[in-house]
């Protein structure tokens, strides 16, 4: 019942408020495992993509969002569970990072769509940073296509440091699926993972028009 309300009320209301421009819906496979690899501009990116996509998209979110108490905790659980289809994971260590990839792999092998930000964290200066190779490991291990996604506008809805969303027009572009059948099974190869990741990031950059930073991003705290 809750999911039905989210689908029939909350999502149409959000679309009416933010009037997203959506391109390339035909590029998203309607069935089977698929990775939606996007640039990362804002915390609300994980809301925008599920609103725009033609099928359910699952993301990973830190476990703390699901364990809060009181009204704030209840609202957080509802939002991450029913609005953005988030799966809770622990973060902060190599073991946690591996567990996150395993969760993503389970989502893909069960035939669902998995959203990921290869940059790892939000871009604070608007540039597109070098991708981390987890996206390639998932694609090569699961043998699924990668759909590049470019977002524009979410960074103005909830700028870093702000708590109250603003109204701003959003653009979402879904690119043509990238397939790496010739490299399937080579997930352990650092060279193959780097090649796939660079191709994914090049496709995202072509859609978004962002300047390439040619380096890995730092966390918002470090910045």
C-alpha atoms as a PDB file:
ATOM      1  CA  UNK A   1       0.000   0.000   0.000  1.00  0.00           C
ATOM      2  CA  UNK A   2       2.823   2.401   0.942  1.00  0.00           C
ATOM      3  CA  UNK A   3       4.685   1.677  -2.305  1.00  0.00           C
ATOM      4  CA  UNK A   4       1.467   2.281  -4.254  1.00  0.00           C
ATOM      5  CA  UNK A   5       1.014   5.691  -2.598  1.00  0.00           C
ATOM      6  CA  UNK A   6       4.625   6.543  -3.405  1.00  0.00           C
ATOM      7  CA  UNK A   7       4.126   5.562  -7.052  1.00  0.00           C
ATOM      8  CA  UNK A   8       0.723   7.175  -7.583  1.00  0.00           C
ATOM      9  CA  UNK A   9       1.041  10.289  -5.385  1.00  0.00           C
ATOM     10  CA  UNK A  10       4.535  11.243  -4.294  1.00  0.00           C
ATOM     11  CA  UNK A  11       6.347  10.636  -7.579  1.00  0.00           C
ATOM     12  CA  UNK A  12       3.770  12.430  -9.800  1.00  0.00           C
ATOM     13  CA  UNK A  13       3.765  15.335  -7.326  1.00  0.00           C
ATOM     14  CA  UNK A  14       7.559  15.598  -7.454  1.00  0.00           C
ATOM     15  CA  UNK A  15       7.492  15.552 -11.259  1.00  0.00           C
ATOM     16  CA  UNK A  16       4.869  18.293 -11.292  1.00  0.00           C
ATOM     17  CA  UNK A  17       6.943  20.478  -8.980  1.00  0.00           C
ATOM     18  CA  UNK A  18      10.338  20.021 -10.622  1.00  0.00           C
ATOM     19  CA  UNK A  19       9.241  19.532 -14.259  1.00  0.00           C
ATOM     20  CA  UNK A  20      12.158  17.286 -15.248  1.00  0.00           C
ATOM     21  CA  UNK A  21      13.340  17.122 -18.839  1.00  0.00           C
ATOM     22  CA  UNK A  22      13.990  13.445 -19.514  1.00  0.00           C
ATOM     23  CA  UNK A  23      15.793  12.099 -22.582  1.00  0.00           C
ATOM     24  CA  UNK A  24      16.692   8.602 -23.703  1.00  0.00           C
ATOM     25  CA  UNK A  25      14.152   6.529 -21.802  1.00  0.00           C
ATOM     26  CA  UNK A  26      14.257   4.038 -24.659  1.00  0.00           C
ATOM     27  CA  UNK A  27      17.885   3.308 -23.743  1.00  0.00           C
ATOM     28  CA  UNK A  28      16.971   1.767 -20.390  1.00  0.00           C
ATOM     29  CA  UNK A  29      16.234  -1.981 -20.735  1.00  0.00           C
ATOM     30  CA  UNK A  30      12.846  -2.749 -19.217  1.00  0.00           C
ATOM     31  CA  UNK A  31      13.897  -6.177 -17.970  1.00  0.00           C
ATOM     32  CA  UNK A  32      17.018  -7.842 -16.635  1.00  0.00           C
ATOM     33  CA  UNK A  33      19.972  -6.625 -14.634  1.00  0.00           C
ATOM     34  CA  UNK A  34      21.347  -3.239 -15.666  1.00  0.00           C
ATOM     35  CA  UNK A  35      23.633  -0.645 -14.117  1.00  0.00           C
ATOM     36  CA  UNK A  36      22.670   3.026 -14.271  1.00  0.00           C
ATOM     37  CA  UNK A  37      25.989   4.866 -13.860  1.00  0.00           C
ATOM     38  CA  UNK A  38      25.537   8.582 -13.230  1.00  0.00           C
ATOM     39  CA  UNK A  39      27.469  11.726 -12.546  1.00  0.00           C
ATOM     40  CA  UNK A  40      26.980  12.844  -8.949  1.00  0.00           C
ATOM     41  CA  UNK A  41      25.966  16.453  -8.315  1.00  0.00           C
ATOM     42  CA  UNK A  42      23.755  16.376  -5.219  1.00  0.00           C
ATOM     43  CA  UNK A  43      22.341  14.305  -2.381  1.00  0.00           C
ATOM     44  CA  UNK A  44      19.014  14.321  -4.230  1.00  0.00           C
ATOM     45  CA  UNK A  45      20.455  12.530  -7.285  1.00  0.00           C
ATOM     46  CA  UNK A  46      19.224   9.248  -5.793  1.00  0.00           C
ATOM     47  CA  UNK A  47      15.707  10.707  -5.772  1.00  0.00           C
ATOM     48  CA  UNK A  48      15.863  12.187  -9.263  1.00  0.00           C
ATOM     49  CA  UNK A  49      17.001   9.023 -11.047  1.00  0.00           C
ATOM     50  CA  UNK A  50      14.215   6.748  -9.693  1.00  0.00           C
ATOM     51  CA  UNK A  51      11.672   9.464 -10.518  1.00  0.00           C
ATOM     52  CA  UNK A  52      12.892   9.658 -14.097  1.00  0.00           C
ATOM     53  CA  UNK A  53      13.696   6.018 -14.867  1.00  0.00           C
ATOM     54  CA  UNK A  54      11.069   3.786 -16.529  1.00  0.00           C
ATOM     55  CA  UNK A  55      11.648   1.005 -13.968  1.00  0.00           C
ATOM     56  CA  UNK A  56      12.580   0.573 -10.319  1.00  0.00           C
ATOM     57  CA  UNK A  57      16.177   1.511  -9.553  1.00  0.00           C
ATOM     58  CA  UNK A  58      17.913   0.375  -6.377  1.00  0.00           C
ATOM     59  CA  UNK A  59      20.694   2.278  -4.632  1.00  0.00           C
ATOM     60  CA  UNK A  60      22.896   1.571  -1.639  1.00  0.00           C
ATOM     61  CA  UNK A  61      22.665   3.883   1.383  1.00  0.00           C
ATOM     62  CA  UNK A  62      24.531   3.873   4.667  1.00  0.00           C
ATOM     63  CA  UNK A  63      22.852   1.823   7.370  1.00  0.00           C
ATOM     64  CA  UNK A  64      22.507   4.810   9.719  1.00  0.00           C
ATOM     65  CA  UNK A  65      19.658   6.127   7.560  1.00  0.00           C
ATOM     66  CA  UNK A  66      17.575   3.083   8.570  1.00  0.00           C
ATOM     67  CA  UNK A  67      18.319   2.889  12.289  1.00  0.00           C
ATOM     68  CA  UNK A  68      17.270   6.303  13.625  1.00  0.00           C
ATOM     69  CA  UNK A  69      14.688   6.669  16.373  1.00  0.00           C
ATOM     70  CA  UNK A  70      11.623   8.842  16.821  1.00  0.00           C
ATOM     71  CA  UNK A  71       9.833  10.753  14.082  1.00  0.00           C
ATOM     72  CA  UNK A  72      13.058  11.713  12.301  1.00  0.00           C
ATOM     73  CA  UNK A  73      14.153   8.088  12.175  1.00  0.00           C
ATOM     74  CA  UNK A  74      10.752   6.958  10.877  1.00  0.00           C
ATOM     75  CA  UNK A  75      10.751   9.598   8.133  1.00  0.00           C
ATOM     76  CA  UNK A  76      14.294   8.623   7.134  1.00  0.00           C
ATOM     77  CA  UNK A  77      13.407   4.916   6.904  1.00  0.00           C
ATOM     78  CA  UNK A  78      10.281   5.664   4.860  1.00  0.00           C
ATOM     79  CA  UNK A  79      12.191   7.909   2.472  1.00  0.00           C
ATOM     80  CA  UNK A  80      15.093   5.553   1.840  1.00  0.00           C
ATOM     81  CA  UNK A  81      12.966   2.403   1.720  1.00  0.00           C
ATOM     82  CA  UNK A  82       9.959   3.516  -0.314  1.00  0.00           C
ATOM     83  CA  UNK A  83      11.038   6.593  -2.276  1.00  0.00           C
ATOM     84  CA  UNK A  84      14.514   5.675  -3.508  1.00  0.00           C
ATOM     85  CA  UNK A  85      14.475   1.879  -3.005  1.00  0.00           C
ATOM     86  CA  UNK A  86      17.686   2.018  -0.999  1.00  0.00           C
ATOM     87  CA  UNK A  87      19.436  -1.029   0.426  1.00  0.00           C
ATOM     88  CA  UNK A  88      21.248  -0.445   3.748  1.00  0.00           C
ATOM     89  CA  UNK A  89      24.990  -1.144   3.903  1.00  0.00           C
ATOM     90  CA  UNK A  90      27.752  -0.490   6.396  1.00  0.00           C
ATOM     91  CA  UNK A  91      30.484   1.881   5.224  1.00  0.00           C
ATOM     92  CA  UNK A  92      33.918   3.037   6.260  1.00  0.00           C
ATOM     93  CA  UNK A  93      36.260   0.066   5.662  1.00  0.00           C
ATOM     94  CA  UNK A  94      37.606  -2.194   2.934  1.00  0.00           C
ATOM     95  CA  UNK A  95      35.367  -4.991   4.197  1.00  0.00           C
ATOM     96  CA  UNK A  96      32.357  -2.671   4.034  1.00  0.00           C
ATOM     97  CA  UNK A  97      33.262  -1.616   0.485  1.00  0.00           C
ATOM     98  CA  UNK A  98      33.446  -5.272  -0.557  1.00  0.00           C
ATOM     99  CA  UNK A  99      30.086  -5.939   1.085  1.00  0.00           C
ATOM    100  CA  UNK A 100      28.615  -3.007  -0.843  1.00  0.00           C
ATOM    101  CA  UNK A 101      29.758  -4.491  -4.139  1.00  0.00           C
ATOM    102  CA  UNK A 102      28.321  -7.854  -3.123  1.00  0.00           C
ATOM    103  CA  UNK A 103      24.963  -6.186  -2.403  1.00  0.00           C
ATOM    104  CA  UNK A 104      25.057  -4.510  -5.807  1.00  0.00           C
ATOM    105  CA  UNK A 105      25.898  -7.813  -7.470  1.00  0.00           C
ATOM    106  CA  UNK A 106      22.951  -9.514  -5.773  1.00  0.00           C
ATOM    107  CA  UNK A 107      20.617  -6.781  -7.049  1.00  0.00           C
ATOM    108  CA  UNK A 108      21.920  -7.220 -10.600  1.00  0.00           C
ATOM    109  CA  UNK A 109      21.877 -11.018 -10.667  1.00  0.00           C
ATOM    110  CA  UNK A 110      18.266 -10.941  -9.467  1.00  0.00           C
ATOM    111  CA  UNK A 111      17.397  -9.022 -12.637  1.00  0.00           C
ATOM    112  CA  UNK A 112      16.973  -5.557 -11.131  1.00  0.00           C
ATOM    113  CA  UNK A 113      18.374  -2.125 -11.995  1.00  0.00           C
ATOM    114  CA  UNK A 114      21.208  -0.816  -9.821  1.00  0.00           C
ATOM    115  CA  UNK A 115      22.216   2.841  -9.581  1.00  0.00           C
ATOM    116  CA  UNK A 116      25.822   3.799  -8.909  1.00  0.00           C
ATOM    117  CA  UNK A 117      28.021   6.914  -8.929  1.00  0.00           C
ATOM    118  CA  UNK A 118      31.467   5.915 -10.236  1.00  0.00           C
ATOM    119  CA  UNK A 119      32.960   9.189  -8.946  1.00  0.00           C
ATOM    120  CA  UNK A 120      32.236   7.911  -5.441  1.00  0.00           C
ATOM    121  CA  UNK A 121      31.112  11.210  -3.968  1.00  0.00           C
ATOM    122  CA  UNK A 122      29.481  14.447  -5.067  1.00  0.00           C
ATOM    123  CA  UNK A 123      31.306  16.919  -7.262  1.00  0.00           C
ATOM    124  CA  UNK A 124      31.492  20.232  -5.442  1.00  0.00           C
ATOM    125  CA  UNK A 125      32.893  22.223  -8.363  1.00  0.00           C
ATOM    126  CA  UNK A 126      30.795  20.847 -11.229  1.00  0.00           C
ATOM    127  CA  UNK A 127      33.644  18.912 -12.848  1.00  0.00           C
ATOM    128  CA  UNK A 128      33.431  15.199 -13.654  1.00  0.00           C
ATOM    129  CA  UNK A 129      35.987  13.256 -11.670  1.00  0.00           C
ATOM    130  CA  UNK A 130      37.780  10.029 -12.517  1.00  0.00           C
ATOM    131  CA  UNK A 131      35.662   6.935 -12.009  1.00  0.00           C
ATOM    132  CA  UNK A 132      36.433   4.235  -9.481  1.00  0.00           C
ATOM    133  CA  UNK A 133      36.454   0.712 -10.856  1.00  0.00           C
ATOM    134  CA  UNK A 134      33.620  -0.794  -8.777  1.00  0.00           C
ATOM    135  CA  UNK A 135      31.218  -0.118 -11.655  1.00  0.00           C
ATOM    136  CA  UNK A 136      33.444  -2.192 -13.959  1.00  0.00           C
ATOM    137  CA  UNK A 137      33.731  -5.053 -11.457  1.00  0.00           C
ATOM    138  CA  UNK A 138      29.940  -5.215 -11.254  1.00  0.00           C
ATOM    139  CA  UNK A 139      29.425  -5.041 -15.022  1.00  0.00           C
ATOM    140  CA  UNK A 140      32.050  -7.694 -15.789  1.00  0.00           C
ATOM    141  CA  UNK A 141      31.034 -10.022 -12.963  1.00  0.00           C
ATOM    142  CA  UNK A 142      27.283  -9.833 -13.556  1.00  0.00           C
ATOM    143  CA  UNK A 143      27.586  -9.585 -17.341  1.00  0.00           C
ATOM    144  CA  UNK A 144      25.088  -6.728 -17.537  1.00  0.00           C
ATOM    145  CA  UNK A 145      24.982  -3.543 -19.645  1.00  0.00           C
ATOM    146  CA  UNK A 146      25.807  -0.118 -18.248  1.00  0.00           C
ATOM    147  CA  UNK A 147      23.536   2.816 -19.088  1.00  0.00           C
ATOM    148  CA  UNK A 148      25.361   6.157 -18.646  1.00  0.00           C
ATOM    149  CA  UNK A 149      23.263   8.868 -16.986  1.00  0.00           C
ATOM    150  CA  UNK A 150      23.827  12.637 -16.912  1.00  0.00           C
ATOM    151  CA  UNK A 151      22.082  14.866 -14.391  1.00  0.00           C
ATOM    152  CA  UNK A 152      21.841  18.654 -14.427  1.00  0.00           C
ATOM    153  CA  UNK A 153      19.953  20.746 -11.888  1.00  0.00           C
ATOM    154  CA  UNK A 154      19.876  18.632  -8.693  1.00  0.00           C
ATOM    155  CA  UNK A 155      22.831  20.594  -7.310  1.00  0.00           C
ATOM    156  CA  UNK A 156      20.608  23.691  -7.269  1.00  0.00           C
ATOM    157  CA  UNK A 157      17.741  21.922  -5.484  1.00  0.00           C
ATOM    158  CA  UNK A 158      19.762  21.038  -2.420  1.00  0.00           C
ATOM    159  CA  UNK A 159      23.145  22.798  -2.424  1.00  0.00           C
ATOM    160  CA  UNK A 160      25.799  21.470  -0.062  1.00  0.00           C
ATOM    161  CA  UNK A 161      25.129  22.737   3.453  1.00  0.00           C
ATOM    162  CA  UNK A 162      21.421  23.422   2.865  1.00  0.00           C
ATOM    163  CA  UNK A 163      18.586  21.436   4.448  1.00  0.00           C
ATOM    164  CA  UNK A 164      15.496  22.814   2.700  1.00  0.00           C
ATOM    165  CA  UNK A 165      15.024  21.849  -0.987  1.00  0.00           C
ATOM    166  CA  UNK A 166      14.487  24.590  -3.562  1.00  0.00           C
ATOM    167  CA  UNK A 167      12.518  24.465  -6.788  1.00  0.00           C
ATOM    168  CA  UNK A 168      14.708  24.161  -9.862  1.00  0.00           C
ATOM    169  CA  UNK A 169      14.339  22.547 -13.260  1.00  0.00           C
ATOM    170  CA  UNK A 170      16.065  19.185 -13.722  1.00  0.00           C
ATOM    171  CA  UNK A 171      17.537  17.475 -16.762  1.00  0.00           C
ATOM    172  CA  UNK A 172      18.079  13.700 -16.910  1.00  0.00           C
ATOM    173  CA  UNK A 173      19.709  12.026 -19.907  1.00  0.00           C
ATOM    174  CA  UNK A 174      19.967   8.257 -20.334  1.00  0.00           C
ATOM    175  CA  UNK A 175      22.629   7.259 -22.854  1.00  0.00           C
ATOM    176  CA  UNK A 176      22.853   4.181 -25.038  1.00  0.00           C
ATOM    177  CA  UNK A 177      23.718   0.982 -23.134  1.00  0.00           C
ATOM    178  CA  UNK A 178      27.381   0.030 -23.026  1.00  0.00           C
ATOM    179  CA  UNK A 179      28.064  -3.687 -23.326  1.00  0.00           C
ATOM    180  CA  UNK A 180      31.341  -5.370 -22.488  1.00  0.00           C
ATOM    181  CA  UNK A 181      30.659  -8.951 -23.568  1.00  0.00           C
ATOM    182  CA  UNK A 182      34.212  -9.408 -24.838  1.00  0.00           C
ATOM    183  CA  UNK A 183      35.550  -8.687 -21.344  1.00  0.00           C
ATOM    184  CA  UNK A 184      32.983 -10.697 -19.373  1.00  0.00           C
ATOM    185  CA  UNK A 185      34.729 -12.771 -16.716  1.00  0.00           C
ATOM    186  CA  UNK A 186      37.774 -10.488 -16.534  1.00  0.00           C
ATOM    187  CA  UNK A 187      36.664  -8.627 -13.424  1.00  0.00           C
ATOM    188  CA  UNK A 188      39.907  -9.567 -11.647  1.00  0.00           C
ATOM    189  CA  UNK A 189      41.970  -7.806 -14.310  1.00  0.00           C
ATOM    190  CA  UNK A 190      42.900  -4.277 -13.203  1.00  0.00           C
ATOM    191  CA  UNK A 191      43.487  -3.364 -16.843  1.00  0.00           C
ATOM    192  CA  UNK A 192      40.020  -4.547 -17.900  1.00  0.00           C
ATOM    193  CA  UNK A 193      38.351  -2.769 -14.980  1.00  0.00           C
ATOM    194  CA  UNK A 194      40.154   0.470 -15.803  1.00  0.00           C
ATOM    195  CA  UNK A 195      39.233   0.204 -19.496  1.00  0.00           C
ATOM    196  CA  UNK A 196      35.544  -0.350 -18.750  1.00  0.00           C
ATOM    197  CA  UNK A 197      35.421   2.414 -16.135  1.00  0.00           C
ATOM    198  CA  UNK A 198      37.068   4.924 -18.455  1.00  0.00           C
ATOM    199  CA  UNK A 199      34.584   4.080 -21.222  1.00  0.00           C
ATOM    200  CA  UNK A 200      31.684   4.579 -18.826  1.00  0.00           C
ATOM    201  CA  UNK A 201      33.031   7.928 -17.625  1.00  0.00           C
ATOM    202  CA  UNK A 202      33.649   9.076 -21.215  1.00  0.00           C
ATOM    203  CA  UNK A 203      30.006   8.277 -22.042  1.00  0.00           C
ATOM    204  CA  UNK A 204      28.780  10.206 -18.995  1.00  0.00           C
ATOM    205  CA  UNK A 205      30.974  13.178 -19.942  1.00  0.00           C
ATOM    206  CA  UNK A 206      29.640  13.151 -23.514  1.00  0.00           C
ATOM    207  CA  UNK A 207      26.087  13.355 -22.157  1.00  0.00           C
ATOM    208  CA  UNK A 208      26.707  15.919 -19.428  1.00  0.00           C
ATOM    209  CA  UNK A 209      29.234  18.177 -21.162  1.00  0.00           C
ATOM    210  CA  UNK A 210      31.105  18.544 -17.866  1.00  0.00           C
ATOM    211  CA  UNK A 211      34.771  19.411 -17.729  1.00  0.00           C
ATOM    212  CA  UNK A 212      36.844  16.336 -16.865  1.00  0.00           C
ATOM    213  CA  UNK A 213      38.875  16.731 -13.677  1.00  0.00           C
ATOM    214  CA  UNK A 214      41.332  13.940 -14.619  1.00  0.00           C
ATOM    215  CA  UNK A 215      41.695  12.974 -10.948  1.00  0.00           C
ATOM    216  CA  UNK A 216      39.793  11.197  -8.203  1.00  0.00           C
ATOM    217  CA  UNK A 217      37.362  13.206  -6.121  1.00  0.00           C
ATOM    218  CA  UNK A 218      37.828  13.954  -2.443  1.00  0.00           C
ATOM    219  CA  UNK A 219      35.074  13.442   0.080  1.00  0.00           C
ATOM    220  CA  UNK A 220      32.934  16.496   0.938  1.00  0.00           C
ATOM    221  CA  UNK A 221      34.463  16.533   4.430  1.00  0.00           C
ATOM    222  CA  UNK A 222      37.979  16.710   3.054  1.00  0.00           C
ATOM    223  CA  UNK A 223      36.933  19.412   0.620  1.00  0.00           C
END
